[in-house]
Amino acid sequence: MNVQVGDSIPEWVMESVRPERMRTMAAILRDPNPVHWDRRAVAALPFGIGERTINQGPLGLSYILNMLMEWAGPTSVRRIVMRFPQVVLDGDRVIARGTVTAIREENGVRLADCDVSLSREGEAPSLAGTATVALPPE
């Protein structure tokens, strides 16, 4: 895999964030916060979101991880640090993107440091951070 600083990681798209997945994840995580499964609870908030449930952070993070693993392999992710400046809502179409910011070697393994994000088309990122990925041999 010939990777260079400045390369874009192939985008990964979630065509529509589904509320059913949020309910399932809330059950798996034992997350009692109703904003992930109760539209009325979200509508009662002062944020003006309306009746759309809010995606859990781990689900949004998983979209970025899917992008990285499709690009470099299922065991490639070594580190990821994320911020969650915006919410992702049910029905959103979101795109995971990344750019290689550095290539280095550590203990005989080629690593790519990357800026990564998840956003709606044309909007500021809902999730943003950095990742370190082990690159497959060239």
N, C-alpha and C. Protein backbone atom coordinates (compact mmCIF):
# COMPACT_ATOMS: atom_id res chain seq x y z
N MET A 1 0.85 -1.17 0.00
CA MET A 1 0.00 0.00 0.00
C MET A 1 0.89 1.23 0.00
N ASN A 2 0.86 1.98 -1.07
CA ASN A 2 1.68 3.18 -1.21
C ASN A 2 0.89 4.38 -0.68
N VAL A 3 1.17 4.79 0.54
CA VAL A 3 0.46 5.88 1.19
C VAL A 3 1.42 7.02 1.42
N GLN A 4 0.96 8.25 1.15
CA GLN A 4 1.79 9.42 1.32
C GLN A 4 1.05 10.46 2.14
N VAL A 5 1.81 11.33 2.78
CA VAL A 5 1.22 12.45 3.52
C VAL A 5 0.37 13.27 2.55
N GLY A 6 -0.81 13.63 2.98
CA GLY A 6 -1.74 14.39 2.15
C GLY A 6 -2.77 13.53 1.45
N ASP A 7 -2.55 12.21 1.41
CA ASP A 7 -3.53 11.32 0.77
C ASP A 7 -4.86 11.35 1.51
N SER A 8 -5.93 11.29 0.75
CA SER A 8 -7.26 11.16 1.33
C SER A 8 -7.58 9.69 1.50
N ILE A 9 -8.21 9.37 2.60
CA ILE A 9 -8.70 8.02 2.85
C ILE A 9 -10.04 7.91 2.12
N PRO A 10 -10.30 6.80 1.44
CA PRO A 10 -11.61 6.67 0.77
C PRO A 10 -12.76 6.87 1.76
N GLU A 11 -13.72 7.69 1.36
CA GLU A 11 -14.86 8.00 2.22
C GLU A 11 -15.69 6.76 2.51
N TRP A 12 -16.35 6.79 3.66
CA TRP A 12 -17.30 5.74 4.05
C TRP A 12 -18.61 6.46 4.35
N VAL A 13 -19.71 6.01 3.75
CA VAL A 13 -20.99 6.71 3.86
C VAL A 13 -22.02 5.85 4.58
N MET A 14 -22.71 6.46 5.54
CA MET A 14 -23.91 5.87 6.13
C MET A 14 -25.06 6.66 5.51
N GLU A 15 -25.77 6.00 4.61
CA GLU A 15 -26.82 6.69 3.84
C GLU A 15 -27.92 7.26 4.72
N SER A 16 -28.29 6.56 5.77
CA SER A 16 -29.34 7.06 6.66
C SER A 16 -29.14 6.45 8.04
N VAL A 17 -28.88 7.29 9.02
CA VAL A 17 -28.74 6.83 10.40
C VAL A 17 -30.13 6.39 10.86
N ARG A 18 -30.24 5.14 11.28
CA ARG A 18 -31.54 4.55 11.59
C ARG A 18 -31.84 4.57 13.09
N PRO A 19 -33.03 5.00 13.46
CA PRO A 19 -33.40 5.02 14.89
C PRO A 19 -33.46 3.62 15.50
N GLU A 20 -33.72 2.60 14.68
CA GLU A 20 -33.75 1.23 15.21
C GLU A 20 -32.38 0.83 15.75
N ARG A 21 -31.33 1.24 15.06
CA ARG A 21 -29.97 0.94 15.53
C ARG A 21 -29.69 1.65 16.84
N MET A 22 -30.21 2.88 16.98
CA MET A 22 -30.00 3.62 18.22
C MET A 22 -30.68 2.92 19.39
N ARG A 23 -31.90 2.44 19.18
CA ARG A 23 -32.60 1.72 20.25
C ARG A 23 -31.84 0.46 20.63
N THR A 24 -31.37 -0.27 19.63
CA THR A 24 -30.61 -1.49 19.91
C THR A 24 -29.34 -1.17 20.68
N MET A 25 -28.62 -0.13 20.25
CA MET A 25 -27.38 0.25 20.93
C MET A 25 -27.67 0.72 22.35
N ALA A 26 -28.76 1.44 22.55
CA ALA A 26 -29.12 1.87 23.91
C ALA A 26 -29.32 0.66 24.81
N ALA A 27 -29.95 -0.38 24.28
CA ALA A 27 -30.15 -1.60 25.07
C ALA A 27 -28.82 -2.30 25.35
N ILE A 28 -27.97 -2.41 24.33
CA ILE A 28 -26.67 -3.08 24.50
C ILE A 28 -25.81 -2.34 25.52
N LEU A 29 -25.78 -1.00 25.42
CA LEU A 29 -24.96 -0.19 26.31
C LEU A 29 -25.62 0.06 27.67
N ARG A 30 -26.86 -0.39 27.80
CA ARG A 30 -27.65 -0.10 29.01
C ARG A 30 -27.69 1.40 29.26
N ASP A 31 -27.91 2.12 28.18
CA ASP A 31 -27.93 3.58 28.20
C ASP A 31 -29.36 4.03 28.45
N PRO A 32 -29.64 4.59 29.61
CA PRO A 32 -31.03 4.97 29.93
C PRO A 32 -31.45 6.32 29.35
N ASN A 33 -30.56 7.01 28.65
CA ASN A 33 -30.88 8.35 28.15
C ASN A 33 -31.93 8.25 27.05
N PRO A 34 -33.11 8.79 27.26
CA PRO A 34 -34.20 8.65 26.28
C PRO A 34 -33.96 9.39 24.96
N VAL A 35 -32.96 10.27 24.88
CA VAL A 35 -32.74 10.99 23.62
C VAL A 35 -32.33 10.05 22.49
N HIS A 36 -31.92 8.81 22.83
CA HIS A 36 -31.51 7.84 21.82
C HIS A 36 -32.66 6.97 21.32
N TRP A 37 -33.83 7.05 21.97
CA TRP A 37 -34.92 6.18 21.55
C TRP A 37 -36.31 6.80 21.68
N ASP A 38 -36.44 7.96 22.30
CA ASP A 38 -37.76 8.58 22.51
C ASP A 38 -37.81 9.95 21.84
N ARG A 39 -38.51 10.02 20.71
CA ARG A 39 -38.60 11.27 19.95
C ARG A 39 -39.21 12.41 20.77
N ARG A 40 -40.17 12.09 21.61
CA ARG A 40 -40.81 13.13 22.44
C ARG A 40 -39.82 13.73 23.43
N ALA A 41 -38.94 12.90 23.97
CA ALA A 41 -37.93 13.41 24.91
C ALA A 41 -37.00 14.39 24.21
N VAL A 42 -36.65 14.09 22.97
CA VAL A 42 -35.78 14.99 22.20
C VAL A 42 -36.52 16.29 21.88
N ALA A 43 -37.78 16.18 21.49
CA ALA A 43 -38.57 17.37 21.14
C ALA A 43 -38.72 18.31 22.33
N ALA A 44 -38.68 17.77 23.54
CA ALA A 44 -38.83 18.59 24.74
C ALA A 44 -37.56 19.36 25.09
N LEU A 45 -36.45 19.01 24.47
CA LEU A 45 -35.19 19.71 24.74
C LEU A 45 -35.20 21.10 24.13
N PRO A 46 -34.45 22.04 24.70
CA PRO A 46 -34.44 23.41 24.18
C PRO A 46 -33.51 23.62 22.98
N PHE A 47 -33.12 22.57 22.28
CA PHE A 47 -32.15 22.70 21.20
C PHE A 47 -32.78 22.94 19.84
N GLY A 48 -34.09 22.77 19.71
CA GLY A 48 -34.74 22.96 18.43
C GLY A 48 -34.46 21.86 17.43
N ILE A 49 -34.19 20.65 17.90
CA ILE A 49 -33.89 19.52 17.02
C ILE A 49 -35.17 18.93 16.42
N GLY A 50 -36.26 19.07 17.13
CA GLY A 50 -37.51 18.46 16.69
C GLY A 50 -37.61 17.03 17.21
N GLU A 51 -38.37 16.22 16.54
CA GLU A 51 -38.61 14.84 16.98
C GLU A 51 -37.71 13.86 16.25
N ARG A 52 -36.42 14.06 16.37
CA ARG A 52 -35.44 13.14 15.78
C ARG A 52 -34.51 12.67 16.90
N THR A 53 -34.34 11.37 17.00
CA THR A 53 -33.49 10.84 18.06
C THR A 53 -32.02 11.12 17.75
N ILE A 54 -31.23 11.14 18.82
CA ILE A 54 -29.81 11.49 18.73
C ILE A 54 -28.97 10.21 18.74
N ASN A 55 -28.12 10.08 17.75
CA ASN A 55 -27.23 8.93 17.61
C ASN A 55 -26.22 8.91 18.76
N GLN A 56 -25.94 7.73 19.30
CA GLN A 56 -24.93 7.61 20.34
C GLN A 56 -23.54 7.87 19.76
N GLY A 57 -22.68 8.44 20.57
CA GLY A 57 -21.30 8.68 20.15
C GLY A 57 -20.60 7.43 19.64
N PRO A 58 -20.73 6.28 20.35
CA PRO A 58 -20.05 5.07 19.85
C PRO A 58 -20.52 4.64 18.45
N LEU A 59 -21.77 4.90 18.11
CA LEU A 59 -22.23 4.55 16.75
C LEU A 59 -21.55 5.45 15.71
N GLY A 60 -21.50 6.74 15.99
CA GLY A 60 -20.81 7.65 15.07
C GLY A 60 -19.34 7.29 14.94
N LEU A 61 -18.72 6.97 16.05
CA LEU A 61 -17.32 6.55 16.04
C LEU A 61 -17.14 5.29 15.19
N SER A 62 -18.11 4.38 15.25
CA SER A 62 -18.00 3.14 14.47
C SER A 62 -17.98 3.41 12.97
N TYR A 63 -18.63 4.46 12.52
CA TYR A 63 -18.61 4.79 11.09
C TYR A 63 -17.19 5.18 10.66
N ILE A 64 -16.50 5.93 11.52
CA ILE A 64 -15.12 6.31 11.23
C ILE A 64 -14.22 5.07 11.26
N LEU A 65 -14.43 4.21 12.24
CA LEU A 65 -13.65 2.97 12.32
C LEU A 65 -13.88 2.11 11.09
N ASN A 66 -15.12 2.03 10.60
CA ASN A 66 -15.41 1.28 9.38
C ASN A 66 -14.57 1.81 8.22
N MET A 67 -14.49 3.13 8.09
CA MET A 67 -13.70 3.74 7.02
C MET A 67 -12.24 3.31 7.14
N LEU A 68 -11.68 3.44 8.33
CA LEU A 68 -10.27 3.12 8.53
C LEU A 68 -9.99 1.65 8.27
N MET A 69 -10.86 0.76 8.73
CA MET A 69 -10.63 -0.67 8.56
C MET A 69 -10.83 -1.11 7.11
N GLU A 70 -11.75 -0.50 6.38
CA GLU A 70 -11.89 -0.81 4.95
C GLU A 70 -10.65 -0.36 4.18
N TRP A 71 -10.04 0.72 4.62
CA TRP A 71 -8.87 1.26 3.95
C TRP A 71 -7.61 0.46 4.25
N ALA A 72 -7.36 0.18 5.53
CA ALA A 72 -6.07 -0.40 5.92
C ALA A 72 -6.17 -1.81 6.52
N GLY A 73 -7.36 -2.33 6.71
CA GLY A 73 -7.50 -3.69 7.22
C GLY A 73 -8.17 -3.74 8.58
N PRO A 74 -8.74 -4.90 8.92
CA PRO A 74 -9.56 -5.03 10.13
C PRO A 74 -8.81 -4.93 11.45
N THR A 75 -7.49 -5.07 11.43
CA THR A 75 -6.72 -4.96 12.68
C THR A 75 -5.77 -3.77 12.65
N SER A 76 -6.05 -2.80 11.81
CA SER A 76 -5.11 -1.71 11.56
C SER A 76 -5.16 -0.57 12.57
N VAL A 77 -6.30 -0.32 13.19
CA VAL A 77 -6.44 0.86 14.04
C VAL A 77 -5.65 0.67 15.33
N ARG A 78 -4.71 1.58 15.57
CA ARG A 78 -3.88 1.51 16.77
C ARG A 78 -4.32 2.51 17.84
N ARG A 79 -4.85 3.66 17.39
CA ARG A 79 -5.25 4.70 18.34
C ARG A 79 -6.27 5.60 17.65
N ILE A 80 -7.24 6.05 18.44
CA ILE A 80 -8.19 7.03 17.92
C ILE A 80 -8.59 7.95 19.07
N VAL A 81 -8.59 9.24 18.78
CA VAL A 81 -8.98 10.26 19.76
C VAL A 81 -10.03 11.13 19.08
N MET A 82 -11.21 11.24 19.70
CA MET A 82 -12.31 11.95 19.05
C MET A 82 -12.90 13.04 19.93
N ARG A 83 -13.45 14.05 19.26
CA ARG A 83 -14.29 15.08 19.87
C ARG A 83 -15.67 14.94 19.23
N PHE A 84 -16.68 15.32 19.96
CA PHE A 84 -18.06 15.19 19.49
C PHE A 84 -18.74 16.56 19.54
N PRO A 85 -18.35 17.49 18.63
CA PRO A 85 -18.86 18.86 18.72
C PRO A 85 -20.33 19.03 18.30
N GLN A 86 -20.87 18.12 17.52
CA GLN A 86 -22.26 18.23 17.04
C GLN A 86 -22.95 16.88 17.20
N VAL A 87 -24.27 16.90 17.22
CA VAL A 87 -25.00 15.63 17.28
C VAL A 87 -25.28 15.12 15.87
N VAL A 88 -25.45 13.80 15.78
CA VAL A 88 -25.92 13.13 14.57
C VAL A 88 -27.34 12.67 14.88
N LEU A 89 -28.25 12.93 13.96
CA LEU A 89 -29.66 12.62 14.19
C LEU A 89 -30.16 11.51 13.29
N ASP A 90 -31.24 10.87 13.73
CA ASP A 90 -31.81 9.82 12.87
C ASP A 90 -32.21 10.42 11.54
N GLY A 91 -31.96 9.66 10.50
CA GLY A 91 -32.25 10.10 9.14
C GLY A 91 -31.10 10.83 8.46
N ASP A 92 -30.09 11.24 9.23
CA ASP A 92 -28.94 11.94 8.64
C ASP A 92 -28.17 11.01 7.70
N ARG A 93 -27.66 11.58 6.62
CA ARG A 93 -26.68 10.92 5.77
C ARG A 93 -25.34 11.49 6.18
N VAL A 94 -24.45 10.63 6.68
CA VAL A 94 -23.17 11.10 7.17
C VAL A 94 -22.02 10.44 6.41
N ILE A 95 -20.91 11.17 6.33
CA ILE A 95 -19.75 10.72 5.57
C ILE A 95 -18.53 10.77 6.47
N ALA A 96 -17.85 9.62 6.58
CA ALA A 96 -16.57 9.56 7.29
C ALA A 96 -15.48 9.89 6.28
N ARG A 97 -14.57 10.78 6.70
CA ARG A 97 -13.48 11.21 5.85
C ARG A 97 -12.18 11.21 6.64
N GLY A 98 -11.08 11.13 5.92
CA GLY A 98 -9.80 11.19 6.59
C GLY A 98 -8.70 11.62 5.65
N THR A 99 -7.63 12.16 6.23
CA THR A 99 -6.46 12.59 5.49
C THR A 99 -5.22 12.15 6.26
N VAL A 100 -4.25 11.63 5.54
CA VAL A 100 -2.99 11.21 6.15
C VAL A 100 -2.16 12.46 6.44
N THR A 101 -1.75 12.60 7.70
CA THR A 101 -0.96 13.77 8.11
C THR A 101 0.51 13.46 8.35
N ALA A 102 0.82 12.18 8.57
CA ALA A 102 2.22 11.79 8.80
C ALA A 102 2.36 10.29 8.55
N ILE A 103 3.54 9.90 8.10
CA ILE A 103 3.90 8.49 7.96
C ILE A 103 5.15 8.30 8.82
N ARG A 104 5.14 7.25 9.62
CA ARG A 104 6.31 7.00 10.46
C ARG A 104 6.45 5.50 10.68
N GLU A 105 7.57 5.12 11.24
CA GLU A 105 7.80 3.72 11.55
C GLU A 105 8.02 3.58 13.05
N GLU A 106 7.41 2.55 13.62
CA GLU A 106 7.56 2.29 15.05
C GLU A 106 7.63 0.78 15.24
N ASN A 107 8.72 0.32 15.81
CA ASN A 107 8.93 -1.11 16.04
C ASN A 107 8.75 -1.93 14.77
N GLY A 108 9.24 -1.41 13.66
CA GLY A 108 9.17 -2.13 12.40
C GLY A 108 7.81 -2.09 11.70
N VAL A 109 6.88 -1.29 12.22
CA VAL A 109 5.55 -1.19 11.61
C VAL A 109 5.38 0.22 11.05
N ARG A 110 4.94 0.30 9.77
CA ARG A 110 4.63 1.61 9.17
C ARG A 110 3.29 2.08 9.70
N LEU A 111 3.29 3.29 10.22
CA LEU A 111 2.07 3.87 10.78
C LEU A 111 1.69 5.13 10.01
N ALA A 112 0.39 5.33 9.87
CA ALA A 112 -0.12 6.57 9.29
C ALA A 112 -0.91 7.30 10.37
N ASP A 113 -0.52 8.54 10.63
CA ASP A 113 -1.31 9.40 11.50
C ASP A 113 -2.29 10.14 10.60
N CYS A 114 -3.53 10.24 11.04
CA CYS A 114 -4.59 10.78 10.18
C CYS A 114 -5.49 11.73 10.94
N ASP A 115 -5.98 12.73 10.25
CA ASP A 115 -7.10 13.53 10.74
C ASP A 115 -8.36 12.85 10.21
N VAL A 116 -9.35 12.64 11.08
CA VAL A 116 -10.58 11.95 10.67
C VAL A 116 -11.79 12.75 11.15
N SER A 117 -12.90 12.57 10.42
CA SER A 117 -14.12 13.28 10.80
C SER A 117 -15.35 12.55 10.27
N LEU A 118 -16.48 12.92 10.83
CA LEU A 118 -17.79 12.45 10.37
C LEU A 118 -18.68 13.67 10.26
N SER A 119 -19.31 13.86 9.09
CA SER A 119 -20.15 15.04 8.91
C SER A 119 -21.24 14.79 7.89
N ARG A 120 -22.23 15.69 7.93
CA ARG A 120 -23.21 15.75 6.86
C ARG A 120 -22.55 16.50 5.71
N GLU A 121 -22.96 16.23 4.49
CA GLU A 121 -22.37 16.89 3.32
C GLU A 121 -22.41 18.40 3.48
N GLY A 122 -21.24 19.02 3.35
CA GLY A 122 -21.16 20.48 3.36
C GLY A 122 -21.27 21.12 4.73
N GLU A 123 -21.29 20.34 5.81
CA GLU A 123 -21.43 20.90 7.15
C GLU A 123 -20.17 20.66 7.97
N ALA A 124 -20.06 21.40 9.06
CA ALA A 124 -18.95 21.18 9.99
C ALA A 124 -19.05 19.78 10.57
N PRO A 125 -17.92 19.20 10.95
CA PRO A 125 -17.95 17.83 11.46
C PRO A 125 -18.79 17.66 12.72
N SER A 126 -19.49 16.54 12.77
CA SER A 126 -20.20 16.14 13.99
C SER A 126 -19.24 15.43 14.93
N LEU A 127 -18.28 14.72 14.37
CA LEU A 127 -17.19 14.09 15.12
C LEU A 127 -15.90 14.46 14.41
N ALA A 128 -14.86 14.72 15.18
CA ALA A 128 -13.57 15.06 14.58
C ALA A 128 -12.46 14.61 15.51
N GLY A 129 -11.36 14.17 14.93
CA GLY A 129 -10.26 13.73 15.77
C GLY A 129 -9.08 13.25 14.95
N THR A 130 -8.28 12.40 15.61
CA THR A 130 -7.10 11.84 14.98
C THR A 130 -7.08 10.34 15.17
N ALA A 131 -6.39 9.67 14.28
CA ALA A 131 -6.24 8.21 14.36
C ALA A 131 -4.84 7.84 13.92
N THR A 132 -4.35 6.75 14.47
CA THR A 132 -3.10 6.14 14.02
C THR A 132 -3.45 4.75 13.53
N VAL A 133 -3.00 4.46 12.31
CA VAL A 133 -3.33 3.21 11.62
C VAL A 133 -2.06 2.51 11.18
N ALA A 134 -1.98 1.20 11.43
CA ALA A 134 -0.86 0.40 10.92
C ALA A 134 -1.14 0.11 9.45
N LEU A 135 -0.19 0.42 8.61
CA LEU A 135 -0.35 0.21 7.17
C LEU A 135 0.10 -1.19 6.78
N PRO A 136 -0.61 -1.79 5.84
CA PRO A 136 -0.16 -3.09 5.33
C PRO A 136 1.18 -2.92 4.61
N PRO A 137 1.95 -3.99 4.50
CA PRO A 137 3.23 -3.90 3.79
C PRO A 137 3.03 -3.44 2.35
N GLU A 138 4.03 -2.72 1.84
CA GLU A 138 3.95 -2.23 0.45
C GLU A 138 4.19 -3.34 -0.52
